[in-house]
Amino acid sequence: MPDKPRSLSIDPQAPDDQLLSITAGKLEKGGIVVFPTSSFYGLGASAFKPDTLRRVYTAKRRPPGKPLLVLIASMEQLSALAKEVPKTAEQLIRAFWPGQVTLVFDAHPELPALLTAHSGKIGVRLAAHPVAVALLQKFGGPISGTSANLSGAAACTAVSELDERLKNEVDVILDAGTLGGGFPSTVVDVTVEPVKVIREGIITAEQIRATS
């Protein structure tokens, strides 16, 4: 278990570079962090470090059979995660990224099995929140984007809502104030034709069908 986590107040629109460097440094050393996304707070760890990903599962009390979605800051980072990007995925990306939609691809063969839960697939979303984007850019690679809550519990729109048991497992908390909440991202499997909506969220299944 880490030392008491550092809770750092960060401007949601103009994040301080020093705070981002501190947080990215923790990620590089195998730490896990709480950070803001467009709707809820997320739990971030390096997507390529199995030991770190194991800490995420432990912190969330998450069953090992459930994969973790991943956030990226740019399309360039997608090639290290997805085996290929189908044409239908490209259409959805143009229409709904950043944010809004998590796309499930055939996973790159070198990804940790813990990340994909041995499914051979990986969920990816282009980050939209300014703090999340800046943190990903500072870190220089994809991070997990699962919600910062215990498995099965409600997602958090404010740091004050975080479960103390989860807080005790993380290394840094980036507090950007109260987030918008609302619907989560829509999850779409683009490895099949036609694409399959796994979870309907902020984008409706009808919108997905009309676009793909």
N, C-alpha and C. Protein backbone atom coordinates (compact mmCIF):
# COMPACT_ATOMS: atom_id res chain seq x y z
N MET A 1 0.86 -1.20 0.00
CA MET A 1 0.00 0.00 0.00
C MET A 1 0.89 1.24 0.00
N PRO A 2 0.57 2.26 -0.84
CA PRO A 2 1.40 3.46 -0.89
C PRO A 2 1.24 4.30 0.36
N ASP A 3 2.14 5.32 0.49
CA ASP A 3 1.96 6.30 1.55
C ASP A 3 0.67 7.06 1.29
N LYS A 4 0.28 7.88 2.27
CA LYS A 4 -0.93 8.67 2.10
C LYS A 4 -0.89 9.42 0.77
N PRO A 5 -1.93 9.31 -0.07
CA PRO A 5 -1.89 9.91 -1.40
C PRO A 5 -1.79 11.43 -1.34
N ARG A 6 -1.13 12.00 -2.33
CA ARG A 6 -1.06 13.45 -2.45
C ARG A 6 -2.27 13.91 -3.25
N SER A 7 -3.08 14.77 -2.66
CA SER A 7 -4.22 15.35 -3.37
C SER A 7 -3.80 16.72 -3.86
N LEU A 8 -3.78 16.88 -5.17
CA LEU A 8 -3.29 18.11 -5.79
C LEU A 8 -4.43 18.81 -6.50
N SER A 9 -4.73 20.04 -6.10
CA SER A 9 -5.75 20.82 -6.79
C SER A 9 -5.19 21.33 -8.11
N ILE A 10 -5.92 21.08 -9.19
CA ILE A 10 -5.41 21.44 -10.51
C ILE A 10 -6.50 22.16 -11.30
N ASP A 11 -6.10 23.19 -12.03
CA ASP A 11 -7.03 23.95 -12.85
C ASP A 11 -7.57 23.05 -13.97
N PRO A 12 -8.89 22.90 -14.08
CA PRO A 12 -9.44 21.98 -15.08
C PRO A 12 -9.24 22.43 -16.52
N GLN A 13 -8.99 23.71 -16.73
CA GLN A 13 -8.82 24.21 -18.10
C GLN A 13 -7.37 24.53 -18.45
N ALA A 14 -6.57 24.87 -17.45
CA ALA A 14 -5.16 25.22 -17.68
C ALA A 14 -4.31 24.50 -16.63
N PRO A 15 -4.15 23.18 -16.77
CA PRO A 15 -3.44 22.40 -15.75
C PRO A 15 -1.97 22.81 -15.61
N ASP A 16 -1.54 22.90 -14.36
CA ASP A 16 -0.17 23.31 -14.04
C ASP A 16 0.83 22.23 -14.46
N ASP A 17 1.86 22.63 -15.18
CA ASP A 17 2.83 21.68 -15.72
C ASP A 17 3.59 20.94 -14.62
N GLN A 18 3.89 21.60 -13.52
CA GLN A 18 4.61 20.96 -12.44
C GLN A 18 3.79 19.84 -11.81
N LEU A 19 2.49 20.10 -11.63
CA LEU A 19 1.62 19.07 -11.06
C LEU A 19 1.50 17.87 -12.01
N LEU A 20 1.45 18.16 -13.31
CA LEU A 20 1.41 17.09 -14.30
C LEU A 20 2.69 16.26 -14.27
N SER A 21 3.83 16.94 -14.09
CA SER A 21 5.12 16.23 -14.04
C SER A 21 5.19 15.31 -12.82
N ILE A 22 4.70 15.79 -11.69
CA ILE A 22 4.67 14.97 -10.47
C ILE A 22 3.83 13.71 -10.70
N THR A 23 2.67 13.90 -11.30
CA THR A 23 1.75 12.79 -11.51
C THR A 23 2.29 11.82 -12.55
N ALA A 24 2.82 12.34 -13.64
CA ALA A 24 3.41 11.48 -14.68
C ALA A 24 4.59 10.69 -14.12
N GLY A 25 5.36 11.34 -13.23
CA GLY A 25 6.48 10.64 -12.61
C GLY A 25 6.03 9.44 -11.79
N LYS A 26 4.91 9.60 -11.10
CA LYS A 26 4.35 8.47 -10.33
C LYS A 26 3.94 7.34 -11.27
N LEU A 27 3.31 7.69 -12.39
CA LEU A 27 2.91 6.68 -13.37
C LEU A 27 4.12 5.93 -13.92
N GLU A 28 5.18 6.65 -14.19
CA GLU A 28 6.39 6.04 -14.73
C GLU A 28 7.02 5.06 -13.75
N LYS A 29 6.82 5.31 -12.46
CA LYS A 29 7.39 4.44 -11.42
C LYS A 29 6.44 3.32 -10.99
N GLY A 30 5.34 3.17 -11.74
CA GLY A 30 4.41 2.10 -11.43
C GLY A 30 3.30 2.49 -10.49
N GLY A 31 3.09 3.79 -10.32
CA GLY A 31 2.03 4.25 -9.44
C GLY A 31 0.68 4.27 -10.13
N ILE A 32 -0.38 4.47 -9.34
CA ILE A 32 -1.72 4.66 -9.88
C ILE A 32 -2.26 5.99 -9.38
N VAL A 33 -3.03 6.65 -10.22
CA VAL A 33 -3.48 8.01 -9.92
C VAL A 33 -4.96 8.16 -10.22
N VAL A 34 -5.59 9.09 -9.50
CA VAL A 34 -6.96 9.49 -9.79
C VAL A 34 -6.89 10.80 -10.57
N PHE A 35 -7.66 10.88 -11.65
CA PHE A 35 -7.60 12.06 -12.51
C PHE A 35 -8.99 12.31 -13.12
N PRO A 36 -9.26 13.53 -13.58
CA PRO A 36 -10.58 13.84 -14.14
C PRO A 36 -10.72 13.41 -15.59
N THR A 37 -11.89 12.89 -15.94
CA THR A 37 -12.25 12.69 -17.34
C THR A 37 -13.46 13.59 -17.62
N SER A 38 -14.03 13.47 -18.78
CA SER A 38 -15.12 14.38 -19.16
C SER A 38 -16.33 14.30 -18.23
N SER A 39 -16.61 13.10 -17.72
CA SER A 39 -17.80 12.91 -16.89
C SER A 39 -17.50 12.58 -15.44
N PHE A 40 -16.53 11.66 -15.22
CA PHE A 40 -16.26 11.14 -13.89
C PHE A 40 -14.74 11.07 -13.66
N TYR A 41 -14.37 10.84 -12.40
CA TYR A 41 -12.95 10.65 -12.10
C TYR A 41 -12.53 9.24 -12.51
N GLY A 42 -11.32 9.15 -13.06
CA GLY A 42 -10.79 7.88 -13.52
C GLY A 42 -9.62 7.42 -12.68
N LEU A 43 -9.28 6.15 -12.86
CA LEU A 43 -8.15 5.54 -12.15
C LEU A 43 -7.11 5.16 -13.18
N GLY A 44 -5.98 5.85 -13.16
CA GLY A 44 -4.99 5.70 -14.21
C GLY A 44 -3.75 4.96 -13.79
N ALA A 45 -3.24 4.14 -14.72
CA ALA A 45 -1.98 3.43 -14.56
C ALA A 45 -1.41 3.18 -15.95
N SER A 46 -0.12 2.96 -16.03
CA SER A 46 0.49 2.65 -17.32
C SER A 46 -0.16 1.42 -17.93
N ALA A 47 -0.53 1.53 -19.20
CA ALA A 47 -1.19 0.41 -19.88
C ALA A 47 -0.26 -0.75 -20.16
N PHE A 48 1.04 -0.54 -20.01
CA PHE A 48 2.01 -1.57 -20.41
C PHE A 48 2.74 -2.21 -19.23
N LYS A 49 2.33 -1.89 -18.00
CA LYS A 49 3.00 -2.45 -16.82
C LYS A 49 2.05 -3.41 -16.09
N PRO A 50 2.20 -4.72 -16.24
CA PRO A 50 1.28 -5.68 -15.61
C PRO A 50 1.17 -5.50 -14.09
N ASP A 51 2.29 -5.25 -13.41
CA ASP A 51 2.24 -5.10 -11.96
C ASP A 51 1.39 -3.90 -11.55
N THR A 52 1.51 -2.82 -12.32
CA THR A 52 0.73 -1.62 -12.04
C THR A 52 -0.75 -1.86 -12.30
N LEU A 53 -1.04 -2.55 -13.39
CA LEU A 53 -2.44 -2.87 -13.71
C LEU A 53 -3.05 -3.75 -12.62
N ARG A 54 -2.23 -4.62 -12.06
CA ARG A 54 -2.71 -5.47 -10.96
C ARG A 54 -3.13 -4.61 -9.77
N ARG A 55 -2.41 -3.52 -9.54
CA ARG A 55 -2.76 -2.60 -8.46
C ARG A 55 -4.13 -1.96 -8.72
N VAL A 56 -4.44 -1.67 -9.99
CA VAL A 56 -5.74 -1.10 -10.32
C VAL A 56 -6.85 -2.07 -9.97
N TYR A 57 -6.68 -3.33 -10.35
CA TYR A 57 -7.68 -4.35 -10.02
C TYR A 57 -7.85 -4.47 -8.51
N THR A 58 -6.75 -4.44 -7.79
CA THR A 58 -6.81 -4.54 -6.34
C THR A 58 -7.52 -3.34 -5.72
N ALA A 59 -7.18 -2.14 -6.20
CA ALA A 59 -7.77 -0.92 -5.65
C ALA A 59 -9.28 -0.88 -5.87
N LYS A 60 -9.73 -1.34 -7.03
CA LYS A 60 -11.15 -1.31 -7.36
C LYS A 60 -11.91 -2.54 -6.84
N ARG A 61 -11.17 -3.53 -6.33
CA ARG A 61 -11.81 -4.83 -6.01
C ARG A 61 -12.50 -5.36 -7.26
N ARG A 62 -11.83 -5.26 -8.37
CA ARG A 62 -12.40 -5.59 -9.68
C ARG A 62 -12.11 -7.05 -10.03
N PRO A 63 -13.10 -7.81 -10.47
CA PRO A 63 -12.86 -9.20 -10.89
C PRO A 63 -11.85 -9.25 -12.03
N PRO A 64 -10.89 -10.17 -11.99
CA PRO A 64 -9.84 -10.23 -13.01
C PRO A 64 -10.36 -10.55 -14.40
N GLY A 65 -11.59 -11.02 -14.53
CA GLY A 65 -12.13 -11.34 -15.84
C GLY A 65 -12.70 -10.16 -16.59
N LYS A 66 -12.65 -8.97 -15.96
CA LYS A 66 -13.17 -7.77 -16.61
C LYS A 66 -12.01 -6.92 -17.12
N PRO A 67 -11.94 -6.67 -18.43
CA PRO A 67 -10.81 -5.90 -18.98
C PRO A 67 -10.87 -4.44 -18.56
N LEU A 68 -9.77 -3.73 -18.76
CA LEU A 68 -9.68 -2.30 -18.47
C LEU A 68 -9.63 -1.52 -19.77
N LEU A 69 -10.41 -0.45 -19.87
CA LEU A 69 -10.30 0.39 -21.05
C LEU A 69 -9.08 1.30 -20.91
N VAL A 70 -8.65 1.84 -22.03
CA VAL A 70 -7.42 2.63 -22.07
C VAL A 70 -7.71 3.99 -22.70
N LEU A 71 -7.08 5.03 -22.16
CA LEU A 71 -7.18 6.37 -22.73
C LEU A 71 -5.90 6.72 -23.48
N ILE A 72 -6.07 7.42 -24.59
CA ILE A 72 -4.92 7.91 -25.36
C ILE A 72 -5.07 9.42 -25.56
N ALA A 73 -3.94 10.06 -25.89
CA ALA A 73 -3.96 11.51 -26.12
C ALA A 73 -3.93 11.86 -27.59
N SER A 74 -3.57 10.88 -28.44
CA SER A 74 -3.46 11.15 -29.87
C SER A 74 -3.67 9.86 -30.65
N MET A 75 -3.98 10.00 -31.93
CA MET A 75 -4.18 8.83 -32.78
C MET A 75 -2.90 8.02 -32.93
N GLU A 76 -1.76 8.68 -32.77
CA GLU A 76 -0.49 7.97 -32.89
C GLU A 76 -0.36 6.87 -31.84
N GLN A 77 -0.96 7.08 -30.67
CA GLN A 77 -0.86 6.09 -29.60
C GLN A 77 -1.75 4.87 -29.83
N LEU A 78 -2.68 4.98 -30.77
CA LEU A 78 -3.61 3.88 -31.02
C LEU A 78 -2.92 2.66 -31.62
N SER A 79 -1.88 2.88 -32.42
CA SER A 79 -1.23 1.77 -33.13
C SER A 79 -0.57 0.78 -32.17
N ALA A 80 -0.20 1.23 -30.96
CA ALA A 80 0.42 0.33 -29.99
C ALA A 80 -0.61 -0.51 -29.25
N LEU A 81 -1.90 -0.19 -29.45
CA LEU A 81 -2.96 -0.86 -28.71
C LEU A 81 -3.83 -1.75 -29.61
N ALA A 82 -4.16 -1.24 -30.78
CA ALA A 82 -5.07 -1.95 -31.68
C ALA A 82 -4.30 -2.68 -32.78
N LYS A 83 -4.71 -3.90 -33.03
CA LYS A 83 -4.08 -4.69 -34.09
C LYS A 83 -4.35 -4.06 -35.45
N GLU A 84 -5.58 -3.57 -35.64
CA GLU A 84 -5.94 -2.85 -36.85
C GLU A 84 -7.10 -1.92 -36.53
N VAL A 85 -7.31 -0.94 -37.41
CA VAL A 85 -8.40 0.02 -37.26
C VAL A 85 -9.33 -0.13 -38.46
N PRO A 86 -10.45 -0.84 -38.29
CA PRO A 86 -11.37 -1.04 -39.42
C PRO A 86 -11.95 0.27 -39.93
N LYS A 87 -12.46 0.25 -41.15
CA LYS A 87 -13.03 1.44 -41.77
C LYS A 87 -14.20 1.99 -40.95
N THR A 88 -15.03 1.08 -40.41
CA THR A 88 -16.16 1.54 -39.59
C THR A 88 -15.67 2.26 -38.34
N ALA A 89 -14.55 1.80 -37.79
CA ALA A 89 -13.97 2.48 -36.63
C ALA A 89 -13.51 3.88 -37.00
N GLU A 90 -12.91 4.02 -38.17
CA GLU A 90 -12.46 5.34 -38.62
C GLU A 90 -13.64 6.30 -38.73
N GLN A 91 -14.78 5.79 -39.19
CA GLN A 91 -15.97 6.64 -39.31
C GLN A 91 -16.46 7.10 -37.94
N LEU A 92 -16.45 6.19 -36.98
CA LEU A 92 -16.88 6.53 -35.62
C LEU A 92 -15.90 7.49 -34.95
N ILE A 93 -14.63 7.30 -35.22
CA ILE A 93 -13.60 8.19 -34.68
C ILE A 93 -13.80 9.61 -35.17
N ARG A 94 -14.04 9.75 -36.47
CA ARG A 94 -14.25 11.09 -37.04
C ARG A 94 -15.50 11.75 -36.46
N ALA A 95 -16.50 10.94 -36.19
CA ALA A 95 -17.78 11.49 -35.72
C ALA A 95 -17.79 11.80 -34.22
N PHE A 96 -17.15 10.97 -33.41
CA PHE A 96 -17.39 11.03 -31.96
C PHE A 96 -16.16 11.21 -31.07
N TRP A 97 -14.96 11.13 -31.60
CA TRP A 97 -13.79 11.38 -30.76
C TRP A 97 -13.43 12.84 -30.82
N PRO A 98 -12.87 13.45 -29.77
CA PRO A 98 -12.49 12.82 -28.49
C PRO A 98 -13.70 12.58 -27.59
N GLY A 99 -13.48 11.69 -26.61
CA GLY A 99 -14.53 11.36 -25.66
C GLY A 99 -15.70 10.66 -26.31
N GLN A 100 -16.80 10.59 -25.62
CA GLN A 100 -18.11 10.12 -26.07
C GLN A 100 -18.21 8.62 -26.37
N VAL A 101 -17.24 8.06 -27.09
CA VAL A 101 -17.33 6.66 -27.48
C VAL A 101 -16.02 5.93 -27.17
N THR A 102 -16.17 4.75 -26.55
CA THR A 102 -15.03 3.85 -26.35
C THR A 102 -15.14 2.75 -27.40
N LEU A 103 -14.11 2.59 -28.20
CA LEU A 103 -14.12 1.61 -29.27
C LEU A 103 -13.32 0.36 -28.86
N VAL A 104 -13.89 -0.79 -29.11
CA VAL A 104 -13.25 -2.06 -28.77
C VAL A 104 -12.62 -2.65 -30.03
N PHE A 105 -11.29 -2.79 -30.00
CA PHE A 105 -10.52 -3.29 -31.13
C PHE A 105 -9.95 -4.68 -30.81
N ASP A 106 -9.50 -5.38 -31.85
CA ASP A 106 -8.64 -6.53 -31.63
C ASP A 106 -7.33 -6.00 -31.05
N ALA A 107 -6.91 -6.57 -29.92
CA ALA A 107 -5.76 -6.03 -29.18
C ALA A 107 -4.44 -6.36 -29.87
N HIS A 108 -3.51 -5.42 -29.77
CA HIS A 108 -2.15 -5.68 -30.23
C HIS A 108 -1.60 -6.87 -29.45
N PRO A 109 -0.95 -7.81 -30.12
CA PRO A 109 -0.52 -9.05 -29.44
C PRO A 109 0.44 -8.85 -28.29
N GLU A 110 1.11 -7.70 -28.21
CA GLU A 110 2.09 -7.49 -27.15
C GLU A 110 1.49 -6.84 -25.90
N LEU A 111 0.20 -6.56 -25.91
CA LEU A 111 -0.42 -5.95 -24.73
C LEU A 111 -0.48 -6.95 -23.58
N PRO A 112 -0.34 -6.48 -22.34
CA PRO A 112 -0.47 -7.37 -21.18
C PRO A 112 -1.83 -8.06 -21.17
N ALA A 113 -1.83 -9.36 -20.92
CA ALA A 113 -3.09 -10.12 -20.89
C ALA A 113 -4.01 -9.60 -19.78
N LEU A 114 -3.42 -9.04 -18.72
CA LEU A 114 -4.23 -8.51 -17.62
C LEU A 114 -5.07 -7.33 -18.10
N LEU A 115 -4.55 -6.56 -19.03
CA LEU A 115 -5.26 -5.39 -19.55
C LEU A 115 -6.50 -5.81 -20.34
N THR A 116 -6.36 -6.88 -21.10
CA THR A 116 -7.46 -7.35 -21.95
C THR A 116 -8.29 -8.44 -21.29
N ALA A 117 -7.89 -8.87 -20.09
CA ALA A 117 -8.55 -9.98 -19.39
C ALA A 117 -8.59 -11.22 -20.28
N HIS A 118 -7.50 -11.42 -21.05
CA HIS A 118 -7.34 -12.59 -21.92
C HIS A 118 -8.44 -12.66 -22.99
N SER A 119 -9.07 -11.53 -23.28
CA SER A 119 -10.15 -11.52 -24.27
C SER A 119 -9.65 -11.34 -25.70
N GLY A 120 -8.42 -10.84 -25.82
CA GLY A 120 -7.89 -10.54 -27.15
C GLY A 120 -8.42 -9.23 -27.71
N LYS A 121 -9.17 -8.48 -26.90
CA LYS A 121 -9.73 -7.21 -27.35
C LYS A 121 -9.36 -6.10 -26.36
N ILE A 122 -9.36 -4.86 -26.85
CA ILE A 122 -9.00 -3.73 -26.01
C ILE A 122 -9.92 -2.55 -26.31
N GLY A 123 -10.47 -1.94 -25.25
CA GLY A 123 -11.31 -0.76 -25.38
C GLY A 123 -10.46 0.50 -25.28
N VAL A 124 -10.62 1.41 -26.24
CA VAL A 124 -9.79 2.61 -26.31
C VAL A 124 -10.67 3.84 -26.52
N ARG A 125 -10.31 4.93 -25.83
CA ARG A 125 -11.01 6.20 -26.03
C ARG A 125 -9.99 7.33 -26.09
N LEU A 126 -10.19 8.25 -27.00
CA LEU A 126 -9.36 9.45 -27.08
C LEU A 126 -9.83 10.41 -26.00
N ALA A 127 -8.94 10.79 -25.09
CA ALA A 127 -9.31 11.63 -23.95
C ALA A 127 -9.80 13.00 -24.43
N ALA A 128 -10.73 13.57 -23.65
CA ALA A 128 -11.29 14.88 -24.00
C ALA A 128 -11.02 15.93 -22.93
N HIS A 129 -11.02 15.53 -21.64
CA HIS A 129 -10.82 16.52 -20.57
C HIS A 129 -9.42 17.10 -20.66
N PRO A 130 -9.27 18.43 -20.56
CA PRO A 130 -7.95 19.05 -20.70
C PRO A 130 -6.89 18.49 -19.76
N VAL A 131 -7.26 18.15 -18.52
CA VAL A 131 -6.28 17.59 -17.57
C VAL A 131 -5.86 16.19 -18.01
N ALA A 132 -6.81 15.38 -18.42
CA ALA A 132 -6.49 14.02 -18.87
C ALA A 132 -5.60 14.06 -20.10
N VAL A 133 -5.92 14.94 -21.04
CA VAL A 133 -5.10 15.06 -22.25
C VAL A 133 -3.68 15.49 -21.90
N ALA A 134 -3.56 16.50 -21.06
CA ALA A 134 -2.25 17.01 -20.68
C ALA A 134 -1.44 15.97 -19.92
N LEU A 135 -2.10 15.19 -19.05
CA LEU A 135 -1.40 14.15 -18.30
C LEU A 135 -0.90 13.06 -19.24
N LEU A 136 -1.72 12.65 -20.18
CA LEU A 136 -1.31 11.64 -21.15
C LEU A 136 -0.14 12.12 -22.00
N GLN A 137 -0.18 13.38 -22.39
CA GLN A 137 0.93 13.94 -23.18
C GLN A 137 2.21 13.99 -22.36
N LYS A 138 2.09 14.38 -21.10
CA LYS A 138 3.26 14.46 -20.24
C LYS A 138 3.84 13.07 -19.98
N PHE A 139 2.96 12.09 -19.75
CA PHE A 139 3.41 10.72 -19.50
C PHE A 139 3.98 10.08 -20.75
N GLY A 140 3.40 10.40 -21.90
CA GLY A 140 3.93 9.91 -23.16
C GLY A 140 3.43 8.54 -23.59
N GLY A 141 2.34 8.08 -22.99
CA GLY A 141 1.81 6.78 -23.37
C GLY A 141 0.40 6.59 -22.85
N PRO A 142 -0.28 5.53 -23.28
CA PRO A 142 -1.65 5.27 -22.84
C PRO A 142 -1.71 4.91 -21.37
N ILE A 143 -2.84 5.25 -20.74
CA ILE A 143 -3.07 4.84 -19.35
C ILE A 143 -4.48 4.26 -19.23
N SER A 144 -4.68 3.47 -18.19
CA SER A 144 -6.01 2.91 -17.96
C SER A 144 -6.98 4.05 -17.65
N GLY A 145 -8.24 3.87 -18.07
CA GLY A 145 -9.22 4.92 -17.87
C GLY A 145 -10.46 4.45 -17.15
N THR A 146 -10.34 3.36 -16.40
CA THR A 146 -11.49 2.86 -15.66
C THR A 146 -11.93 3.86 -14.61
N SER A 147 -13.20 3.82 -14.24
CA SER A 147 -13.72 4.79 -13.28
C SER A 147 -13.12 4.57 -11.89
N ALA A 148 -12.95 5.68 -11.16
CA ALA A 148 -12.31 5.64 -9.83
C ALA A 148 -13.36 5.33 -8.76
N ASN A 149 -13.79 4.09 -8.74
CA ASN A 149 -14.77 3.63 -7.75
C ASN A 149 -14.55 2.14 -7.51
N LEU A 150 -15.08 1.64 -6.41
CA LEU A 150 -15.03 0.21 -6.20
C LEU A 150 -15.94 -0.47 -7.21
N SER A 151 -15.56 -1.65 -7.64
CA SER A 151 -16.33 -2.37 -8.65
C SER A 151 -17.79 -2.51 -8.24
N GLY A 152 -18.68 -2.07 -9.13
CA GLY A 152 -20.11 -2.15 -8.85
C GLY A 152 -20.70 -0.93 -8.19
N ALA A 153 -19.86 -0.03 -7.69
CA ALA A 153 -20.34 1.19 -7.04
C ALA A 153 -20.50 2.31 -8.07
N ALA A 154 -21.15 3.39 -7.65
CA ALA A 154 -21.38 4.51 -8.55
C ALA A 154 -20.08 5.25 -8.85
N ALA A 155 -19.98 5.78 -10.06
CA ALA A 155 -18.82 6.59 -10.44
C ALA A 155 -18.86 7.92 -9.69
N CYS A 156 -17.69 8.56 -9.57
CA CYS A 156 -17.56 9.78 -8.76
C CYS A 156 -17.37 11.02 -9.62
N THR A 157 -18.12 12.06 -9.31
CA THR A 157 -17.95 13.34 -10.01
C THR A 157 -17.12 14.32 -9.19
N ALA A 158 -16.79 13.96 -7.96
CA ALA A 158 -15.98 14.83 -7.09
C ALA A 158 -15.05 13.96 -6.25
N VAL A 159 -13.90 14.51 -5.92
CA VAL A 159 -12.92 13.78 -5.11
C VAL A 159 -13.49 13.41 -3.75
N SER A 160 -14.38 14.26 -3.23
CA SER A 160 -14.97 13.97 -1.93
C SER A 160 -15.82 12.71 -1.93
N GLU A 161 -16.22 12.24 -3.11
CA GLU A 161 -17.05 11.04 -3.23
C GLU A 161 -16.22 9.76 -3.29
N LEU A 162 -14.91 9.88 -3.42
CA LEU A 162 -14.06 8.70 -3.55
C LEU A 162 -14.13 7.84 -2.29
N ASP A 163 -14.21 6.54 -2.48
CA ASP A 163 -14.22 5.60 -1.37
C ASP A 163 -12.85 5.63 -0.68
N GLU A 164 -12.85 5.70 0.64
CA GLU A 164 -11.59 5.79 1.39
C GLU A 164 -10.70 4.57 1.12
N ARG A 165 -11.30 3.42 0.90
CA ARG A 165 -10.51 2.22 0.63
C ARG A 165 -9.75 2.35 -0.68
N LEU A 166 -10.36 2.97 -1.66
CA LEU A 166 -9.68 3.20 -2.94
C LEU A 166 -8.62 4.28 -2.79
N LYS A 167 -8.97 5.36 -2.08
CA LYS A 167 -8.01 6.45 -1.88
C LYS A 167 -6.73 5.97 -1.23
N ASN A 168 -6.86 5.01 -0.34
CA ASN A 168 -5.69 4.50 0.36
C ASN A 168 -4.77 3.67 -0.53
N GLU A 169 -5.23 3.33 -1.73
CA GLU A 169 -4.43 2.51 -2.64
C GLU A 169 -3.72 3.33 -3.71
N VAL A 170 -4.07 4.61 -3.86
CA VAL A 170 -3.52 5.39 -4.96
C VAL A 170 -2.36 6.27 -4.49
N ASP A 171 -1.60 6.79 -5.46
CA ASP A 171 -0.41 7.58 -5.16
C ASP A 171 -0.64 9.08 -5.28
N VAL A 172 -1.46 9.49 -6.26
CA VAL A 172 -1.74 10.91 -6.47
C VAL A 172 -3.20 11.06 -6.87
N ILE A 173 -3.83 12.12 -6.38
CA ILE A 173 -5.19 12.48 -6.79
C ILE A 173 -5.14 13.88 -7.39
N LEU A 174 -5.52 14.00 -8.65
CA LEU A 174 -5.61 15.31 -9.29
C LEU A 174 -7.05 15.80 -9.14
N ASP A 175 -7.23 16.79 -8.31
CA ASP A 175 -8.56 17.31 -7.99
C ASP A 175 -8.86 18.51 -8.88
N ALA A 176 -9.76 18.29 -9.84
CA ALA A 176 -10.15 19.36 -10.77
C ALA A 176 -11.54 19.88 -10.47
N GLY A 177 -12.00 19.67 -9.24
CA GLY A 177 -13.32 20.14 -8.86
C GLY A 177 -14.40 19.16 -9.27
N THR A 178 -15.63 19.63 -9.25
CA THR A 178 -16.77 18.78 -9.58
C THR A 178 -16.91 18.65 -11.09
N LEU A 179 -17.04 17.41 -11.56
CA LEU A 179 -17.15 17.12 -12.99
C LEU A 179 -18.61 17.08 -13.42
N GLY A 180 -18.82 16.99 -14.72
CA GLY A 180 -20.16 17.09 -15.27
C GLY A 180 -21.06 15.91 -15.02
N GLY A 181 -20.46 14.71 -14.84
CA GLY A 181 -21.29 13.52 -14.63
C GLY A 181 -22.11 13.20 -15.87
N GLY A 182 -23.33 12.73 -15.66
CA GLY A 182 -24.18 12.38 -16.78
C GLY A 182 -23.95 10.98 -17.27
N PHE A 183 -24.14 10.76 -18.56
CA PHE A 183 -23.98 9.44 -19.14
C PHE A 183 -22.50 9.12 -19.37
N PRO A 184 -22.10 7.85 -19.19
CA PRO A 184 -20.74 7.45 -19.53
C PRO A 184 -20.58 7.34 -21.04
N SER A 185 -19.39 7.01 -21.48
CA SER A 185 -19.16 6.82 -22.91
C SER A 185 -19.94 5.60 -23.41
N THR A 186 -20.30 5.64 -24.67
CA THR A 186 -20.90 4.48 -25.33
C THR A 186 -19.79 3.54 -25.76
N VAL A 187 -19.94 2.26 -25.48
CA VAL A 187 -18.91 1.27 -25.81
C VAL A 187 -19.35 0.49 -27.04
N VAL A 188 -18.49 0.48 -28.06
CA VAL A 188 -18.84 -0.14 -29.34
C VAL A 188 -17.74 -1.11 -29.77
N ASP A 189 -18.12 -2.34 -30.05
CA ASP A 189 -17.19 -3.35 -30.56
C ASP A 189 -17.10 -3.20 -32.07
N VAL A 190 -15.91 -2.78 -32.56
CA VAL A 190 -15.72 -2.56 -34.00
C VAL A 190 -15.00 -3.74 -34.65
N THR A 191 -14.88 -4.85 -33.92
CA THR A 191 -14.24 -6.04 -34.49
C THR A 191 -15.24 -6.91 -35.25
N VAL A 192 -16.52 -6.56 -35.18
CA VAL A 192 -17.55 -7.32 -35.87
C VAL A 192 -18.27 -6.40 -36.86
N GLU A 193 -18.95 -7.02 -37.82
CA GLU A 193 -19.68 -6.27 -38.84
C GLU A 193 -21.11 -6.81 -38.95
N PRO A 194 -22.13 -6.00 -38.67
CA PRO A 194 -22.05 -4.60 -38.26
C PRO A 194 -21.50 -4.45 -36.84
N VAL A 195 -21.07 -3.24 -36.50
CA VAL A 195 -20.52 -3.01 -35.18
C VAL A 195 -21.58 -3.30 -34.12
N LYS A 196 -21.12 -3.62 -32.91
CA LYS A 196 -22.04 -3.99 -31.83
C LYS A 196 -21.92 -3.00 -30.67
N VAL A 197 -23.04 -2.42 -30.26
CA VAL A 197 -23.06 -1.53 -29.10
C VAL A 197 -23.11 -2.39 -27.84
N ILE A 198 -22.04 -2.35 -27.06
CA ILE A 198 -21.95 -3.14 -25.83
C ILE A 198 -22.62 -2.39 -24.67
N ARG A 199 -22.43 -1.08 -24.64
CA ARG A 199 -23.06 -0.25 -23.61
C ARG A 199 -23.49 1.07 -24.23
N GLU A 200 -24.78 1.35 -24.14
CA GLU A 200 -25.27 2.62 -24.65
C GLU A 200 -25.07 3.70 -23.60
N GLY A 201 -24.44 4.79 -24.00
CA GLY A 201 -24.15 5.87 -23.07
C GLY A 201 -24.56 7.21 -23.66
N ILE A 202 -23.62 8.14 -23.68
CA ILE A 202 -23.93 9.49 -24.13
C ILE A 202 -24.32 9.54 -25.61
N ILE A 203 -23.80 8.61 -26.40
CA ILE A 203 -24.17 8.47 -27.81
C ILE A 203 -25.12 7.28 -27.93
N THR A 204 -26.25 7.47 -28.59
CA THR A 204 -27.25 6.41 -28.67
C THR A 204 -26.85 5.34 -29.68
N ALA A 205 -27.44 4.17 -29.53
CA ALA A 205 -27.21 3.08 -30.48
C ALA A 205 -27.66 3.51 -31.88
N GLU A 206 -28.73 4.28 -31.95
CA GLU A 206 -29.21 4.76 -33.25
C GLU A 206 -28.19 5.65 -33.93
N GLN A 207 -27.53 6.53 -33.15
CA GLN A 207 -26.49 7.38 -33.71
C GLN A 207 -25.31 6.55 -34.21
N ILE A 208 -24.97 5.50 -33.48
CA ILE A 208 -23.87 4.64 -33.89
C ILE A 208 -24.22 3.95 -35.21
N ARG A 209 -25.42 3.40 -35.30
CA ARG A 209 -25.84 2.71 -36.52
C ARG A 209 -25.85 3.66 -37.71
N ALA A 210 -26.30 4.89 -37.48
CA ALA A 210 -26.38 5.86 -38.56
C ALA A 210 -25.00 6.28 -39.06
N THR A 211 -24.01 6.20 -38.20
CA THR A 211 -22.66 6.64 -38.54
C THR A 211 -21.82 5.52 -39.15
N SER A 212 -22.04 4.29 -38.69
CA SER A 212 -21.21 3.18 -39.14
C SER A 212 -21.85 2.41 -40.29
